[in-house]
Protein backbone atom coordinates (compact mmCIF):
# COMPACT_ATOMS: atom_id res chain seq x y z
CA UNK A 1 -15.91 28.20 4.76
CA UNK A 2 -16.19 26.41 1.50
CA UNK A 3 -19.75 25.38 0.64
CA UNK A 4 -19.88 22.02 -1.17
CA UNK A 5 -23.02 21.30 -2.93
CA UNK A 6 -23.17 17.86 -4.14
CA UNK A 7 -25.68 15.36 -5.86
CA UNK A 8 -27.42 12.85 -3.62
CA UNK A 9 -26.94 9.86 -6.14
CA UNK A 10 -24.60 8.26 -3.45
CA UNK A 11 -24.85 10.01 -0.42
CA UNK A 12 -22.60 7.81 2.03
CA UNK A 13 -19.92 7.48 -0.67
CA UNK A 14 -19.80 10.96 -1.58
CA UNK A 15 -19.46 12.13 2.01
CA UNK A 16 -16.65 9.60 2.45
CA UNK A 17 -14.68 10.94 -0.68
CA UNK A 18 -15.23 14.55 0.51
CA UNK A 19 -13.92 13.79 3.60
CA UNK A 20 -11.04 12.16 2.69
CA UNK A 21 -9.91 14.87 -0.03
CA UNK A 22 -10.74 17.93 1.91
CA UNK A 23 -10.52 16.70 5.50
CA UNK A 24 -7.41 14.30 5.29
CA UNK A 25 -5.54 15.30 2.37
CA UNK A 26 -6.26 18.97 1.95
CA UNK A 27 -7.06 20.05 5.53
CA UNK A 28 -9.72 22.36 4.69
CA UNK A 29 -12.87 23.22 6.64
CA UNK A 30 -16.06 22.97 4.52
CA UNK A 31 -19.63 22.51 4.63
CA UNK A 32 -22.02 20.05 2.40
CA UNK A 33 -25.41 20.70 1.10
CA UNK A 34 -27.39 18.36 -1.30
CA UNK A 35 -28.53 19.55 -4.79
CA UNK A 36 -30.71 18.34 -7.14
CA UNK A 37 -28.56 20.01 -10.08
CA UNK A 38 -25.94 17.59 -11.84
CA UNK A 39 -22.49 17.75 -10.67
CA UNK A 40 -20.64 19.37 -7.58
CA UNK A 41 -20.44 23.05 -7.01
CA UNK A 42 -17.66 24.60 -4.44
CA UNK A 43 -18.66 28.09 -3.65
CA UNK A 44 -17.07 30.85 -1.63
CA UNK A 45 -17.36 34.42 -1.78
CA UNK A 46 -19.49 34.83 -4.88
CA UNK A 47 -17.01 32.43 -6.89
CA UNK A 48 -17.69 29.01 -7.99
CA UNK A 49 -16.12 25.79 -8.95
CA UNK A 50 -17.81 23.29 -10.85
CA UNK A 51 -16.98 19.73 -11.00
CA UNK A 52 -18.74 16.88 -13.05
CA UNK A 53 -20.30 13.92 -11.64
CA UNK A 54 -19.95 10.94 -14.05
CA UNK A 55 -19.15 7.93 -12.16
CA UNK A 56 -21.76 7.92 -9.61
CA UNK A 57 -24.39 9.17 -12.12
CA UNK A 58 -23.76 6.36 -14.70
CA UNK A 59 -23.77 3.75 -11.79
CA UNK A 60 -26.71 4.64 -9.66
CA UNK A 61 -28.85 2.25 -11.31
CA UNK A 62 -26.23 -0.72 -11.67
CA UNK A 63 -24.23 -0.16 -8.71
CA UNK A 64 -21.65 -3.06 -8.11
CA UNK A 65 -22.91 -4.71 -11.28
CA UNK A 66 -20.02 -5.06 -14.00
CA UNK A 67 -17.12 -2.69 -14.73
CA UNK A 68 -17.92 0.93 -15.48
CA UNK A 69 -17.21 1.98 -18.95
CA UNK A 70 -14.04 3.66 -19.77
CA UNK A 71 -13.04 4.77 -22.99
CA UNK A 72 -9.82 3.16 -24.27
CA UNK A 73 -7.53 4.69 -24.57
CA UNK A 74 -8.27 7.26 -21.68
CA UNK A 75 -8.67 10.77 -22.96
CA UNK A 76 -5.91 13.01 -22.01
CA UNK A 77 -5.86 16.51 -20.37
CA UNK A 78 -2.89 18.56 -21.56
CA UNK A 79 -1.66 20.58 -18.62
CA UNK A 80 0.94 22.39 -20.92
CA UNK A 81 -1.90 23.92 -22.74
CA UNK A 82 -3.78 25.26 -19.70
CA UNK A 83 -3.36 28.42 -17.66
CA UNK A 84 -3.21 26.34 -14.54
CA UNK A 85 0.30 25.24 -13.08
CA UNK A 86 -0.13 21.67 -11.87
CA UNK A 87 2.41 19.29 -10.36
CA UNK A 88 1.75 16.19 -12.42
CA UNK A 89 4.20 13.11 -12.76
CA UNK A 90 3.56 13.65 -16.85
CA UNK A 91 2.06 16.82 -18.63
CA UNK A 92 -0.71 14.61 -20.07
CA UNK A 93 -3.28 13.57 -17.29
CA UNK A 94 -5.59 10.51 -17.99
CA UNK A 95 -9.09 11.31 -17.60
CA UNK A 96 -10.65 8.03 -16.22
CA UNK A 97 -14.20 9.56 -15.86
CA UNK A 98 -15.58 12.84 -17.26
CA UNK A 99 -14.01 14.82 -20.30
CA UNK A 100 -10.39 16.29 -20.51
CA UNK A 101 -11.61 19.91 -20.31
CA UNK A 102 -11.14 22.61 -17.65
CA UNK A 103 -12.65 26.04 -18.39
CA UNK A 104 -11.57 29.01 -16.57
CA UNK A 105 -13.47 32.32 -16.09
CA UNK A 106 -13.01 35.25 -13.88
CA UNK A 107 -15.33 33.94 -11.01
CA UNK A 108 -15.96 30.38 -12.09
CA UNK A 109 -13.96 27.49 -13.12
CA UNK A 110 -15.86 24.39 -14.82
CA UNK A 111 -13.73 21.28 -14.40
CA UNK A 112 -15.22 18.44 -16.58
CA UNK A 113 -13.03 15.96 -15.23
CA UNK A 114 -14.84 13.65 -12.52
CA UNK A 115 -12.32 14.00 -9.52
CA UNK A 116 -14.49 12.75 -6.92
CA UNK A 117 -15.70 9.82 -8.89
CA UNK A 118 -12.29 8.50 -9.81
CA UNK A 119 -11.07 9.15 -6.27
CA UNK A 120 -13.81 7.09 -5.05
CA UNK A 121 -13.12 4.39 -7.76
CA UNK A 122 -9.55 3.85 -6.63
CA UNK A 123 -9.54 4.50 -2.84
CA UNK A 124 -12.63 2.26 -2.47
CA UNK A 125 -11.26 -0.65 -4.75
CA UNK A 126 -14.38 -0.43 -6.61
CA UNK A 127 -13.15 -2.66 -9.52
CA UNK A 128 -12.06 -5.25 -7.15
CA UNK A 129 -15.69 -5.67 -6.28
CA UNK A 130 -16.99 -6.31 -9.94
CA UNK A 131 -13.79 -7.68 -11.62
CA UNK A 132 -13.72 -11.64 -11.01
CA UNK A 133 -10.17 -12.31 -12.16
CA UNK A 134 -8.08 -13.76 -9.37
CA UNK A 135 -4.60 -15.50 -9.28
CA UNK A 136 -3.68 -18.74 -7.90
CA UNK A 137 -3.74 -17.38 -4.29
CA UNK A 138 -7.12 -15.65 -4.82
CA UNK A 139 -5.37 -12.21 -5.22
CA UNK A 140 -6.69 -9.62 -7.54
CA UNK A 141 -3.63 -9.08 -9.88
CA UNK A 142 -2.20 -5.80 -10.97
CA UNK A 143 -2.65 -7.24 -14.60
CA UNK A 144 -6.51 -7.19 -14.04
CA UNK A 145 -6.54 -3.67 -13.13
CA UNK A 146 -7.53 -0.54 -14.89
CA UNK A 147 -4.05 1.17 -13.70
CA UNK A 148 -2.31 -1.64 -15.58
CA UNK A 149 -4.33 -1.48 -18.87
CA UNK A 150 -3.89 2.28 -18.99
CA UNK A 151 -0.34 2.52 -17.72
CA UNK A 152 -1.07 4.15 -14.45
CA UNK A 153 0.69 1.96 -12.26
CA UNK A 154 3.62 4.01 -11.60
CA UNK A 155 1.47 7.25 -11.07
CA UNK A 156 -0.08 8.12 -8.01
CA UNK A 157 -3.22 9.43 -9.96
CA UNK A 158 -5.58 10.00 -6.90
CA UNK A 159 -2.87 12.67 -5.68
CA UNK A 160 -2.55 14.06 -9.08
CA UNK A 161 -6.26 14.48 -9.19
CA UNK A 162 -6.20 16.26 -5.82
CA UNK A 163 -3.50 18.54 -7.10
CA UNK A 164 -5.62 19.65 -9.95
CA UNK A 165 -8.64 20.20 -7.59
CA UNK A 166 -6.25 22.38 -5.29
CA UNK A 167 -4.99 24.48 -8.01
CA UNK A 168 -8.29 25.12 -9.11
CA UNK A 169 -9.38 26.26 -5.89
CA UNK A 170 -6.23 28.33 -5.37
CA UNK A 171 -6.90 30.19 -8.55
CA UNK A 172 -10.44 31.19 -7.59
CA UNK A 173 -9.35 31.73 -3.76
CA UNK A 174 -5.85 32.80 -3.70
CA UNK A 175 -6.00 33.05 0.15
CA UNK A 176 -6.90 29.65 0.74
CA UNK A 177 -4.26 27.56 2.46
CA UNK A 178 -3.97 23.70 2.83
CA UNK A 179 -2.43 21.90 5.66
CA UNK A 180 1.38 21.12 4.88
CA UNK A 181 2.29 17.71 4.89
CA UNK A 182 6.07 15.97 4.49
CA UNK A 183 6.16 12.68 3.05
CA UNK A 184 8.31 9.92 4.85
CA UNK A 185 10.14 6.74 3.96
CA UNK A 186 8.31 4.00 5.59
CA UNK A 187 10.60 0.86 5.77
CA UNK A 188 8.69 -2.50 6.49
CA UNK A 189 9.80 -6.05 6.89
CA UNK A 190 7.50 -8.90 6.59
CA UNK A 191 9.20 -11.80 8.91
CA UNK A 192 8.11 -14.85 6.63
CA UNK A 193 11.59 -16.57 7.15
CA UNK A 194 13.66 -15.30 10.22
CA UNK A 195 16.04 -18.12 9.56
CA UNK A 196 16.70 -20.93 7.03
CA UNK A 197 14.27 -23.38 7.87
CA UNK A 198 16.47 -26.30 6.63
CA UNK A 199 18.23 -25.89 9.86
CA UNK A 200 15.24 -27.21 11.97
CA UNK A 201 15.60 -30.95 11.00
CA UNK A 202 18.06 -33.31 9.49
CA UNK A 203 15.28 -33.93 6.88
CA UNK A 204 14.98 -30.31 6.27
CA UNK A 205 18.82 -30.26 5.68
CA UNK A 206 18.90 -33.17 3.35
CA UNK A 207 16.18 -31.57 1.24
CA UNK A 208 18.02 -28.04 1.04
CA UNK A 209 21.28 -29.80 0.23
CA UNK A 210 19.53 -31.73 -2.62
CA UNK A 211 17.91 -28.55 -3.69
CA UNK A 212 21.29 -26.88 -3.96
CA UNK A 213 23.26 -29.68 -5.65
CA UNK A 214 20.55 -31.33 -7.92
CA UNK A 215 18.46 -28.29 -9.07
CA UNK A 216 20.75 -25.06 -8.64
CA UNK A 217 24.05 -26.80 -8.85
CA UNK A 218 25.35 -24.67 -6.25
CA UNK A 219 27.88 -26.53 -4.23
CA UNK A 220 29.31 -23.66 -2.17
CA UNK A 221 25.83 -22.95 -0.93
CA UNK A 222 25.36 -26.44 0.18
CA UNK A 223 28.41 -26.35 2.12
CA UNK A 224 27.12 -23.18 3.73
CA UNK A 225 24.12 -24.78 4.65
CA UNK A 226 25.74 -27.58 6.35
CA UNK A 227 27.93 -25.12 8.38
CA UNK A 228 24.83 -23.11 9.26
CA UNK A 229 22.96 -26.28 10.59
CA UNK A 230 25.88 -27.32 12.63
CA UNK A 231 26.28 -23.68 13.85
CA UNK A 232 22.32 -23.31 14.64
CA UNK A 233 22.42 -26.71 16.71
CA UNK A 234 24.99 -25.00 19.17
CA UNK A 235 22.97 -21.72 19.25
CA UNK A 236 25.06 -19.69 16.99
CA UNK A 237 23.40 -17.92 13.96
CA UNK A 238 25.88 -15.98 12.47
CA UNK A 239 25.96 -18.22 9.82
CA UNK A 240 22.26 -18.18 8.58
CA UNK A 241 21.71 -16.10 5.65
CA UNK A 242 18.61 -14.74 6.63
CA UNK A 243 19.80 -13.61 9.94
CA UNK A 244 20.05 -9.83 8.63
CA UNK A 245 17.95 -8.05 11.47
CA UNK A 246 20.99 -6.29 13.11
CA UNK A 247 22.20 -5.19 9.86
CA UNK A 248 18.79 -4.21 8.93
CA UNK A 249 18.18 -2.03 11.95
CA UNK A 250 21.71 -0.59 11.92
CA UNK A 251 21.12 0.49 8.19
CA UNK A 252 17.77 2.09 8.78
CA UNK A 253 19.16 4.01 11.80
CA UNK A 254 22.06 5.16 10.12
CA UNK A 255 19.64 7.03 7.64
CA UNK A 256 17.52 8.30 10.41
CA UNK A 257 14.66 5.73 10.11
CA UNK A 258 12.66 3.12 12.23
CA UNK A 259 11.31 0.12 10.51
CA UNK A 260 8.04 -1.98 10.97
CA UNK A 261 8.79 -5.70 11.34
CA UNK A 262 5.51 -7.91 10.83
CA UNK A 263 5.64 -11.10 12.54
CA UNK A 264 3.18 -14.37 11.74
CA UNK A 265 2.15 -15.27 15.17
CA UNK A 266 -0.11 -18.21 14.20
CA UNK A 267 -0.60 -20.74 11.30
CA UNK A 268 -4.01 -20.90 9.45
CA UNK A 269 -2.13 -22.75 6.75
CA UNK A 270 0.55 -25.09 7.86
CA UNK A 271 1.76 -25.26 4.20
CA UNK A 272 2.06 -21.38 3.72
CA UNK A 273 2.62 -19.60 7.01
CA UNK A 274 6.34 -20.25 7.48
CA UNK A 275 8.14 -22.60 9.82
CA UNK A 276 8.53 -20.51 12.99
CA UNK A 277 6.79 -20.13 16.43
CA UNK A 278 6.72 -16.81 18.73
CA UNK A 279 7.74 -19.18 21.62
CA UNK A 280 11.13 -19.99 19.95
CA UNK A 281 13.85 -18.43 22.28
CA UNK A 282 15.70 -16.90 19.25
CA UNK A 283 12.40 -15.18 18.26
CA UNK A 284 11.81 -13.79 21.55
CA UNK A 285 15.31 -12.33 21.74
CA UNK A 286 14.51 -10.91 18.18
CA UNK A 287 11.29 -9.27 19.46
CA UNK A 288 13.17 -7.77 22.39
CA UNK A 289 15.99 -6.45 20.09
CA UNK A 290 13.64 -4.95 17.86
CA UNK A 291 11.56 -3.23 20.47
CA UNK A 292 14.78 -2.04 22.50
CA UNK A 293 15.93 -0.24 19.35
CA UNK A 294 12.83 1.78 18.72
CA UNK A 295 11.39 -0.31 15.85
CA UNK A 296 7.79 -1.29 15.38
CA UNK A 297 6.38 -4.84 16.13
CA UNK A 298 3.31 -5.62 14.00
CA UNK A 299 1.46 -8.62 12.63
CA UNK A 300 1.79 -10.43 9.42
CA UNK A 301 -1.54 -12.19 9.56
CA UNK A 302 -1.37 -15.50 8.24
CA UNK A 303 -2.59 -17.03 4.84
CA UNK A 304 -6.23 -17.56 5.45
CA UNK A 305 -7.08 -14.54 7.79
CA UNK A 306 -7.86 -12.21 4.91
CA UNK A 307 -11.56 -13.95 4.97
CA UNK A 308 -11.52 -14.80 8.62
CA UNK A 309 -11.91 -12.06 11.24
CA UNK A 310 -11.78 -14.47 14.24
CA UNK A 311 -8.42 -15.62 13.44
CA UNK A 312 -7.01 -12.47 12.53
CA UNK A 313 -8.00 -10.75 15.79
CA UNK A 314 -6.58 -14.07 17.65
CA UNK A 315 -3.36 -13.63 15.72
CA UNK A 316 -3.04 -9.99 17.06
CA UNK A 317 -3.67 -11.11 20.67
CA UNK A 318 -1.24 -13.87 20.45
CA UNK A 319 1.37 -11.36 19.59
CA UNK A 320 0.45 -8.75 22.18
CA UNK A 321 0.48 -11.49 24.80
CA UNK A 322 4.05 -12.74 23.79
CA UNK A 323 5.16 -9.26 24.01
CA UNK A 324 3.65 -8.42 27.26
CA UNK A 325 5.41 -11.62 28.92
CA UNK A 326 8.77 -9.99 27.63
CA UNK A 327 7.81 -6.46 29.04
CA UNK A 328 7.71 -5.28 25.69
CA UNK A 329 5.35 -2.27 25.09
CA UNK A 330 4.85 -3.31 21.30
CA UNK A 331 1.21 -1.87 20.82
CA UNK A 332 0.82 -4.03 17.59
CA UNK A 333 -0.99 -1.33 15.84
CA UNK A 334 -0.13 -2.40 12.32
CA UNK A 335 -0.85 -5.29 10.02
CA UNK A 336 0.01 -6.71 6.70
CA UNK A 337 -1.65 -9.80 4.96
CA UNK A 338 0.51 -12.45 4.35
CA UNK A 339 1.10 -13.11 0.49
CA UNK A 340 -0.62 -9.57 0.47
CA UNK A 341 -4.18 -11.61 0.24
CA UNK A 342 -6.96 -9.05 0.28
CA UNK A 343 -10.64 -9.36 -0.13
CA UNK A 344 -11.98 -5.87 -0.86
CA UNK A 345 -15.42 -6.89 0.56
CA UNK A 346 -14.38 -7.71 3.94
CA UNK A 347 -10.88 -7.79 4.80
CA UNK A 348 -10.81 -4.00 6.34
CA UNK A 349 -13.70 -4.76 8.26
CA UNK A 350 -11.85 -7.67 9.97
CA UNK A 351 -8.73 -5.77 10.59
CA UNK A 352 -10.75 -2.82 12.12
CA UNK A 353 -12.62 -5.30 14.25
CA UNK A 354 -9.57 -6.72 15.49
CA UNK A 355 -8.27 -3.47 16.86
CA UNK A 356 -5.52 -2.28 14.47
CA UNK A 357 -4.91 1.23 13.93
CA UNK A 358 -3.55 0.61 10.36
CA UNK A 359 -3.25 -2.11 7.73
CA UNK A 360 -0.36 -1.70 5.07
CA UNK A 361 -1.29 -4.27 2.65
CA UNK A 362 -2.25 -2.10 0.04
CA UNK A 363 -0.07 -3.24 -2.99
CA UNK A 364 -0.41 -5.77 -5.96
CA UNK A 365 1.92 -8.73 -5.53
CA UNK A 366 2.74 -8.82 -9.18
CA UNK A 367 3.76 -5.19 -9.84
CA UNK A 368 4.81 -2.30 -7.89
CA UNK A 369 2.98 0.99 -7.94
CA UNK A 370 -0.19 2.80 -6.78
CA UNK A 371 -2.81 0.16 -5.97
CA UNK A 372 -5.01 2.75 -4.37
CA UNK A 373 -3.77 5.74 -6.78
CA UNK A 374 -2.26 7.37 -3.64
CA UNK A 375 0.79 7.14 -1.56
CA UNK A 376 -0.93 8.86 1.63
CA UNK A 377 -2.57 7.21 4.53
CA UNK A 378 -6.37 7.55 4.56
CA UNK A 379 -9.47 6.33 6.11
CA UNK A 380 -10.70 3.23 4.58
CA UNK A 381 -14.17 2.39 3.17
CA UNK A 382 -16.33 -0.60 4.21
CA UNK A 383 -18.05 -2.34 1.43
CA UNK A 384 -20.22 -4.31 4.06
CA UNK A 385 -21.35 -1.12 5.85
CA UNK A 386 -21.46 1.24 2.84
CA UNK A 387 -19.75 3.66 5.21
CA UNK A 388 -16.31 4.70 6.32
CA UNK A 389 -14.27 2.60 8.81
CA UNK A 390 -11.89 4.04 11.36
CA UNK A 391 -8.86 1.96 10.30
CA UNK A 392 -6.24 3.92 8.21
CA UNK A 393 -4.60 2.28 5.05
CA UNK A 394 -0.94 2.82 4.49
CA UNK A 395 -0.46 2.03 0.82
CA UNK A 396 2.44 -0.19 0.24
CA UNK A 397 4.12 1.01 -2.79
CA UNK A 398 7.00 -1.39 -3.59
CA UNK A 399 7.66 -4.80 -2.55
CA UNK A 400 11.38 -5.83 -3.70
CA UNK A 401 10.57 -9.35 -5.29
CA UNK A 402 7.96 -7.80 -7.34
CA UNK A 403 10.61 -6.10 -9.37
CA UNK A 404 13.47 -8.55 -8.91
CA UNK A 405 12.11 -11.92 -8.85
CA UNK A 406 11.70 -14.13 -12.19
CA UNK A 407 7.95 -14.99 -10.99
CA UNK A 408 6.96 -11.46 -11.31
CA UNK A 409 8.61 -8.37 -13.41
CA UNK A 410 12.03 -10.43 -13.47
CA UNK A 411 14.23 -7.30 -13.89
CA UNK A 412 16.94 -8.54 -11.51
CA UNK A 413 19.48 -6.05 -10.13
CA UNK A 414 20.16 -4.08 -13.38
CA UNK A 415 20.04 -0.24 -13.72
CA UNK A 416 16.40 -0.68 -14.96
CA UNK A 417 15.24 -2.30 -11.86
CA UNK A 418 16.80 0.40 -9.51
CA UNK A 419 15.55 3.13 -11.76
CA UNK A 420 11.81 1.88 -11.57
CA UNK A 421 12.34 1.73 -7.83
CA UNK A 422 13.57 4.93 -7.43
CA UNK A 423 11.08 6.57 -9.43
CA UNK A 424 8.49 5.00 -7.49
CA UNK A 425 9.78 6.64 -4.38
CA UNK A 426 10.16 10.30 -6.09
CA UNK A 427 6.51 9.90 -7.16
CA UNK A 428 5.26 8.87 -3.87
CA UNK A 429 6.96 11.69 -1.85
CA UNK A 430 6.27 14.39 -4.55
CA UNK A 431 2.67 14.97 -3.32
CA UNK A 432 3.61 14.70 0.56
CA UNK A 433 2.71 11.09 0.42
CA UNK A 434 4.74 8.24 2.06
CA UNK A 435 7.09 5.92 0.14
CA UNK A 436 6.08 2.71 1.90
CA UNK A 437 8.66 -0.20 0.80
CA UNK A 438 8.69 -3.91 1.76
CA UNK A 439 12.19 -5.61 1.90
CA UNK A 440 12.28 -8.82 3.37
CA UNK A 441 15.05 -9.85 5.86
CA UNK A 442 15.51 -13.13 3.91
CA UNK A 443 16.34 -10.85 0.83
CA UNK A 444 19.53 -9.31 1.99
CA UNK A 445 21.82 -12.03 1.66
CA UNK A 446 23.91 -10.73 -1.44
CA UNK A 447 25.75 -7.44 -2.06
CA UNK A 448 23.27 -6.55 -4.63
CA UNK A 449 20.28 -6.77 -2.59
CA UNK A 450 22.25 -4.63 0.25
CA UNK A 451 23.29 -2.10 -2.31
CA UNK A 452 19.63 -1.77 -3.73
CA UNK A 453 18.11 -1.48 -0.10
CA UNK A 454 20.75 1.30 1.12
CA UNK A 455 20.45 3.42 -2.10
CA UNK A 456 16.72 3.33 -1.44
CA UNK A 457 17.25 4.69 2.15
CA UNK A 458 19.61 7.23 1.12
C-alpha cells in the first residue's frame, strides 16, 4: 500500500484532495501520515515520489483572503523533453503552482509541480470564493477565471495533472495498477420552455407576432405562430417548434444513449422561471413518456434556489410527488441550477441537504469548457463545513448556446463552432471522463441545430 506523507498546513482539504485523486480517480489504496517536512512524499518499497506543496503553504496565513499569486504567463513544463510519456492535450503543460520541473532518479522522482494544491484550487472553486466579479445574474463568469486568462478552458487541466502523477508513480512502481474507467457521453436537456409560451394567451400571441414582424421581420414565423396557437387550443401540439422531445429521445436512443431531462417544478422568480406548471396535462404526459422510454427525470432548480436550501428541497419534493401520482419511478436524484446560477460558498450544501445524489451545474454560462478542470464526476467540497460532502458533481462541459448564441461566443453554426464542440468532446473523453452536454429542446427547431446535435452524439 502506498504511504503518503503530507504537510499538516491544511489537514481537511488535503485529505479530501487525496481521497478524490487516489480513491476516486485512480482507485489505488493508500495510507496517510502527517509530516513536519515540506511537500508531499509518496513511498513504497524503498522508492519515493516527492511533490511540491506551494498552494497550501503560501496561503496558510491568508486563507480565503485574495487571489493566490500566479505567474503571468504561467510557466510551462515541456513533456516532449522529459523521459516521461504523458498523455496531455498539448505537449506544454501550464504550471499553476510550483515549478515546471520533474527530476528522475533510479529510486526517486522529484516533481516540483504542485499537483495536490492545483487540484484543490480547481475542484473546490477556490477562486470563486475570493474573486468578487459577477455578471448580471450573480454568476461567476468564465472571463473572470484563471482558466480564461491562461487559456485553459479547453483543457481538463486537473485530469492532465493526475495523469502526470500517475506516470510518475508507474515509472517508480511498474506493477502498480489503477482502476479502468471508460468515459461516457451524457446528454442533458434543461426544460426551460417545453412549448412556445406565446400560445397560452391571446396577449402572448399578439406580443409574439409583433416581435416576429416588427423586430425580426419574419412574416413566415408570425404565420407559424398563429397556426401553432390555433392547433394548441385544440390539443394538437405538432406545430409547436419547441415540442422536439420525441425526436430528441429517438435520436439519443439511435446512438445508444439515455438523456436526462431537468424540469422546473416551482417558480421562485415569476419573471425568470418559465411559464409552465407540472400539473398541466401536456407536461404530465411528457413526464410519463420520458420515464416509459427509460430516460432520466431531474430538477432544474429555479432561479433563486442557489442560495435558498428550503426552496430547493421543496422543488425536489414537488417533482417527486408529481411523478408518484403518475406511478412514475423517477427517483429525481439529479439537479441542475436554472441559468447555471451557483454560489460556491453554499449551493452544493443546499443540494446535498435536499437529498440529491448529484448536481450537474458545473459549467460557465458564457464559455464552454472545464470549469472544475475535470470531466470526471467527483465528491464535492463544502466551504461551509470545510470538509467533503457526499454529493457528486458531474461537470457540465458544453451548453449549446454558450458557443452559438450572439450574447455569448456568437460562433453560430459554422465549422469553427462545430470544431470547438467536437474538441471539447475529445478532451473530455480522453482521460476516462464524461462529456456532459446540455442541448435544450427549444434549440432544435432548425436543421442546423439538429445536425450539430446528431454529430455530437455520433
